[in-house]
Protein backbone atom coordinates (compact mmCIF):
# COMPACT_ATOMS: atom_id res chain seq x y z
CA MET A 1 0.00 0.00 0.00
CA SER A 2 1.41 3.43 -0.97
CA PHE A 3 2.05 6.16 1.58
CA LEU A 4 -0.70 8.27 -0.05
CA ALA A 5 -3.30 5.51 0.26
CA GLU A 6 -2.30 4.65 3.81
CA HIS A 7 -2.16 8.19 5.16
CA TRP A 8 -4.66 10.07 2.96
CA SER A 9 -6.59 11.38 5.97
CA LEU A 10 -3.41 12.82 7.48
CA LEU A 11 -2.53 14.49 4.18
CA VAL A 12 -6.03 15.96 4.04
CA ALA A 13 -5.50 17.28 7.58
CA ILE A 14 -2.26 19.01 6.54
CA VAL A 15 -3.98 20.60 3.53
CA ALA A 16 -6.86 21.76 5.75
CA ALA A 17 -4.33 23.20 8.21
CA GLY A 18 -2.64 25.13 5.41
CA VAL A 19 -5.89 26.59 4.10
CA SER A 20 -7.31 27.49 7.52
CA GLY A 21 -3.93 28.69 8.76
CA GLY A 22 -3.62 31.05 5.80
CA LEU A 23 -7.14 32.40 6.26
CA LEU A 24 -6.55 32.96 9.97
CA ALA A 25 -3.23 34.66 9.28
CA GLY A 26 -4.96 37.30 7.21
CA LEU A 27 -8.20 37.40 9.16
CA LEU A 28 -6.83 37.56 12.70
CA GLY A 29 -3.14 38.41 12.37
CA VAL A 30 -2.14 35.23 14.19
CA GLY A 31 0.27 33.76 11.63
CA GLY A 32 -1.77 30.57 11.29
CA GLY A 33 0.28 28.73 13.91
CA ILE A 34 -2.67 28.55 16.27
CA ILE A 35 -4.18 26.01 13.86
CA ILE A 36 -1.06 24.52 12.27
CA VAL A 37 0.66 23.52 15.55
CA PRO A 38 -2.14 21.31 16.93
CA VAL A 39 -2.88 19.77 13.51
CA LEU A 40 0.77 18.88 12.96
CA PHE A 41 0.97 17.55 16.50
CA VAL A 42 -1.93 15.17 15.85
CA VAL A 43 -0.53 14.12 12.46
CA LEU A 44 2.94 13.38 13.86
CA THR A 45 1.73 11.47 16.92
CA THR A 46 -0.59 9.43 14.68
CA LEU A 47 2.48 8.45 12.66
CA GLY A 48 4.10 7.18 15.87
CA ILE A 49 6.37 10.14 16.73
CA ASP A 50 6.92 10.60 20.47
CA ASP A 51 4.66 13.30 21.94
CA GLY A 52 7.55 15.43 23.20
CA ILE A 53 9.38 15.35 19.87
CA ALA A 54 6.14 15.82 17.91
CA MET A 55 5.32 19.08 19.72
CA LYS A 56 8.77 20.56 19.05
CA VAL A 57 8.59 19.56 15.38
CA ALA A 58 5.09 21.06 15.13
CA VAL A 59 6.27 24.32 16.71
CA ALA A 60 9.38 24.62 14.50
CA THR A 61 7.54 23.73 11.28
CA SER A 62 4.72 26.13 12.09
CA LEU A 63 7.22 28.95 12.63
CA SER A 64 8.84 28.26 9.25
CA THR A 65 5.49 28.65 7.47
CA ILE A 66 4.76 31.87 9.38
CA ALA A 67 7.90 33.43 7.92
CA PHE A 68 6.18 33.30 4.52
CA THR A 69 2.54 33.70 5.54
CA SER A 70 3.18 36.82 7.61
CA LEU A 71 4.78 38.56 4.63
CA SER A 72 1.76 37.81 2.43
CA SER A 73 -0.71 38.87 5.13
CA ALA A 74 1.25 41.99 6.14
CA ARG A 75 1.44 43.14 2.51
CA SER A 76 -2.35 42.89 2.18
CA HIS A 77 -2.95 44.83 5.41
CA SER A 78 -0.30 47.43 4.54
CA LYS A 79 -2.12 48.27 1.29
CA ARG A 80 -5.11 49.17 3.47
CA GLY A 81 -3.02 51.35 5.79
CA ALA A 82 -3.47 48.95 8.72
CA THR A 83 0.19 48.49 9.75
CA ASP A 84 1.81 50.64 12.48
CA MET A 85 5.46 50.75 11.41
CA ALA A 86 6.38 52.97 14.38
CA LEU A 87 5.35 50.20 16.78
CA PHE A 88 7.08 47.62 14.60
CA ARG A 89 10.36 49.54 14.94
CA ALA A 90 9.86 50.05 18.68
CA TRP A 91 9.29 46.31 19.20
CA LEU A 92 12.10 45.18 16.90
CA VAL A 93 14.84 44.62 19.50
CA PRO A 94 12.58 43.51 22.43
CA ILE A 95 10.84 40.91 20.27
CA VAL A 96 14.10 39.47 18.95
CA ILE A 97 15.45 39.20 22.51
CA GLY A 98 12.25 37.47 23.62
CA VAL A 99 12.36 35.09 20.64
CA VAL A 100 15.97 34.07 21.37
CA LEU A 101 15.14 33.36 25.02
CA GLY A 102 11.96 31.49 24.07
CA THR A 103 13.70 29.38 21.44
CA VAL A 104 16.50 28.39 23.82
CA THR A 105 13.92 27.48 26.47
CA GLY A 106 11.80 25.55 23.96
CA GLY A 107 14.78 23.52 22.80
CA LEU A 108 15.72 22.53 26.35
CA VAL A 109 12.40 21.68 28.03
CA ASP A 110 10.24 18.60 27.49
CA GLY A 111 7.84 18.94 24.55
CA ARG A 112 4.86 18.41 26.87
CA VAL A 113 5.77 21.67 28.59
CA LEU A 114 5.33 23.45 25.27
CA THR A 115 1.93 21.79 24.85
CA LEU A 116 0.84 22.99 28.29
CA VAL A 117 2.08 26.53 27.61
CA PHE A 118 0.23 26.53 24.29
CA ALA A 119 -3.06 25.45 25.87
CA ILE A 120 -2.92 27.77 28.90
CA VAL A 121 -2.03 30.89 26.92
CA ALA A 122 -4.71 30.12 24.33
CA VAL A 123 -7.39 29.87 27.04
CA LEU A 124 -6.29 33.10 28.74
CA VAL A 125 -6.21 35.07 25.51
CA ALA A 126 -9.52 33.64 24.26
CA THR A 127 -11.23 34.47 27.56
CA ASN A 128 -9.92 38.01 27.44
CA MET A 129 -11.03 38.51 23.85
CA PHE A 130 -14.48 37.03 24.50
CA LEU A 131 -15.20 39.05 27.65
CA ARG A 132 -13.84 42.31 26.25
CA ARG A 133 -14.93 42.11 22.62
CA ASN A 134 -17.43 44.97 23.12
CA ALA A 135 -15.55 46.74 25.91
CA GLU A 136 -13.70 50.02 25.74
CA PRO A 137 -9.87 49.93 25.69
CA LEU A 138 -8.17 49.95 29.10
CA ALA A 139 -5.94 52.84 28.02
CA SER A 140 -5.29 55.13 25.08
CA ASP A 141 -1.64 54.04 24.75
CA PHE A 142 1.14 52.16 26.57
CA PRO A 143 1.86 53.76 29.99
CA ASN A 144 5.54 54.27 29.13
CA VAL A 145 8.29 53.04 26.81
CA TRP A 146 9.47 50.33 29.23
CA VAL A 147 6.03 48.72 29.41
CA LYS A 148 5.91 48.83 25.61
CA ARG A 149 9.31 47.11 25.36
CA LEU A 150 8.40 44.52 28.00
CA CYS A 151 5.22 43.65 26.09
CA GLY A 152 7.26 43.18 22.92
CA ALA A 153 9.72 40.87 24.66
CA LEU A 154 6.85 38.86 26.18
CA VAL A 155 5.19 38.48 22.77
CA GLY A 156 8.47 37.19 21.30
CA PHE A 157 9.16 34.79 24.19
CA ILE A 158 5.72 33.15 24.36
CA SER A 159 5.34 33.03 20.57
CA ALA A 160 8.64 31.15 20.20
CA LEU A 161 7.44 28.60 22.77
CA MET A 162 4.04 28.17 21.10
CA GLY A 163 5.14 28.21 17.45
CA ILE A 164 2.88 31.14 16.57
CA GLY A 165 3.34 34.45 14.81
CA GLY A 166 2.72 36.75 17.75
CA GLY A 167 -0.82 37.85 16.94
CA THR A 168 -2.29 35.59 19.63
CA LEU A 169 -0.72 37.89 22.21
CA SER A 170 -0.07 41.14 20.41
CA VAL A 171 -3.64 41.58 19.11
CA PRO A 172 -5.27 41.59 22.59
CA ILE A 173 -2.40 43.68 24.01
CA LEU A 174 -2.76 46.30 21.28
CA THR A 175 -6.56 46.44 21.41
CA SER A 176 -6.41 46.91 25.20
CA VAL A 177 -4.28 50.05 24.76
CA GLY A 178 -6.55 51.65 22.19
CA TYR A 179 -5.62 50.11 18.84
CA ASP A 180 -8.41 49.46 16.39
CA MET A 181 -8.84 45.71 15.89
CA ARG A 182 -7.97 45.86 12.19
CA ARG A 183 -4.84 47.95 12.84
CA ALA A 184 -3.80 45.54 15.60
CA VAL A 185 -4.25 42.60 13.23
CA GLY A 186 -2.31 44.31 10.43
CA THR A 187 0.59 45.23 12.71
CA SER A 188 0.68 41.73 14.20
CA SER A 189 1.00 40.27 10.72
CA ALA A 190 4.21 42.23 10.18
CA ILE A 191 5.50 41.20 13.61
CA GLY A 192 5.05 37.54 12.66
CA PHE A 193 7.97 37.67 10.23
CA LEU A 194 10.16 39.22 12.92
CA ILE A 195 9.38 36.30 15.22
CA ALA A 196 9.46 33.44 12.74
CA ILE A 197 12.95 33.79 11.22
CA PRO A 198 15.15 33.66 14.37
CA ALA A 199 12.82 31.18 16.09
CA THR A 200 12.93 28.74 13.16
CA LEU A 201 16.72 28.91 12.99
CA GLY A 202 16.91 28.32 16.74
CA TYR A 203 14.75 25.19 16.60
CA ILE A 204 16.78 23.85 13.67
CA ILE A 205 19.98 24.20 15.69
CA ALA A 206 18.41 22.80 18.87
CA GLY A 207 17.16 19.68 17.07
CA LEU A 208 20.32 18.74 15.18
CA GLY A 209 21.27 15.16 16.03
CA GLN A 210 18.05 14.55 17.98
CA ALA A 211 16.86 10.92 17.84
CA GLY A 212 13.31 10.00 16.85
CA LEU A 213 12.66 12.82 14.39
CA PRO A 214 10.28 12.21 11.46
CA PRO A 215 11.80 11.68 7.99
CA LEU A 216 13.08 14.72 6.05
CA SER A 217 13.68 16.82 9.16
CA LEU A 218 16.35 19.48 9.58
CA GLY A 219 16.69 19.76 13.32
CA TYR A 220 13.12 20.12 14.60
CA LEU A 221 11.97 21.54 11.24
CA ASN A 222 10.14 19.01 9.08
CA ILE A 223 10.84 20.05 5.51
CA LEU A 224 8.12 17.88 3.94
CA ALA A 225 5.34 19.39 6.05
CA ALA A 226 6.69 22.91 5.53
CA LEU A 227 6.74 22.45 1.74
CA ALA A 228 3.11 21.33 1.85
CA LEU A 229 1.94 24.14 4.12
CA VAL A 230 3.78 27.22 2.84
CA PRO A 231 2.07 27.61 -0.58
CA LEU A 232 -1.38 26.99 0.91
CA THR A 233 -0.98 29.51 3.75
CA MET A 234 0.46 32.16 1.40
CA LEU A 235 -2.37 31.63 -1.08
CA PHE A 236 -5.16 32.06 1.46
CA ALA A 237 -3.66 34.76 3.73
CA PRO A 238 -4.61 37.66 1.39
CA LEU A 239 -8.19 36.35 1.25
CA GLY A 240 -8.32 36.36 5.06
CA ALA A 241 -7.04 39.95 5.10
CA ARG A 242 -9.81 41.05 2.73
CA ILE A 243 -12.42 39.37 4.93
CA ALA A 244 -10.98 41.10 8.03
CA HIS A 245 -11.70 44.50 6.49
CA ALA A 246 -15.25 43.55 5.53
CA ILE A 247 -16.74 42.29 8.83
CA PRO A 248 -17.53 44.10 12.11
CA ARG A 249 -14.88 44.34 14.86
CA PRO A 250 -16.87 42.41 17.56
CA THR A 251 -17.46 39.56 15.10
CA LEU A 252 -13.74 39.43 14.32
CA GLN A 253 -12.84 39.27 18.02
CA LEU A 254 -15.47 36.58 18.72
CA ALA A 255 -14.09 34.43 15.88
CA PHE A 256 -10.61 34.82 17.35
CA ALA A 257 -11.79 33.70 20.80
CA ILE A 258 -13.69 30.66 19.51
CA PHE A 259 -10.74 29.36 17.49
CA LEU A 260 -8.40 29.76 20.46
CA LEU A 261 -10.72 27.91 22.84
CA LEU A 262 -11.19 25.00 20.45
CA THR A 263 -7.44 24.75 19.98
CA ALA A 264 -6.76 24.85 23.73
CA CYS A 265 -9.30 22.08 24.39
CA ARG A 266 -7.58 19.84 21.87
CA MET A 267 -4.16 20.44 23.41
CA PHE A 268 -5.39 19.79 26.97
CA TYR A 269 -6.97 16.58 25.72
CA SER A 270 -3.66 15.44 24.23
CA LEU A 271 -1.94 15.99 27.60
CA VAL A 272 -4.57 14.02 29.52
CA ALA A 273 -4.72 11.24 26.92
């Protein structure tokens, strides 16, 4: 029996992850990793890869796709004037520092720790977005430059651990300090590229020589899965961006919260199981 016939359902899952990940990247500014990571985790564990290794491979491979998806999504948002380049420049150094620390941590800890971090953060962010989707911002701007830098470093650190593009954290942070939802999404799309490149390189280095990796892996990066996901996410990210500018802000935030909660439930289930 050929690999295609034996694993057709898993291949369908990867294609679905690429399409939905691309749509979410444009729609919500989340880089698509919030969908790609759990789908890849399920696919890899179904193929017999150890849970701890599978999570690290899922995180690294997701980050590699975000490097491309974020560019496509950010370009679409930028054409609509929804990218704050001043914030991007202010977060440049803090985010890179956070990404380096997060990647080193992710390479050292057990993969199940990354799964737990993924699920907990997803629940917290989804709860915040659901409860505050119609609420007024907590402030009109960041209190001071140090809080702004700390938020950037935190976004980089947690995103590197979760294998996401930063929007999962940066979107709620930015909306809470007065950013319009669409501008927060557009800016987060640009931030995704800043996170993905150093984080992917870090996971490649951390996984070199690791036993039990799936075939065609470079460190923790699985090249086969990345090649399947990248064109799909890039193709559908611009469509997601167009949808984001055509629907109401509360609806956009509610969709964000629902996707995060569903993802978190799946990850908690994998830990218990």
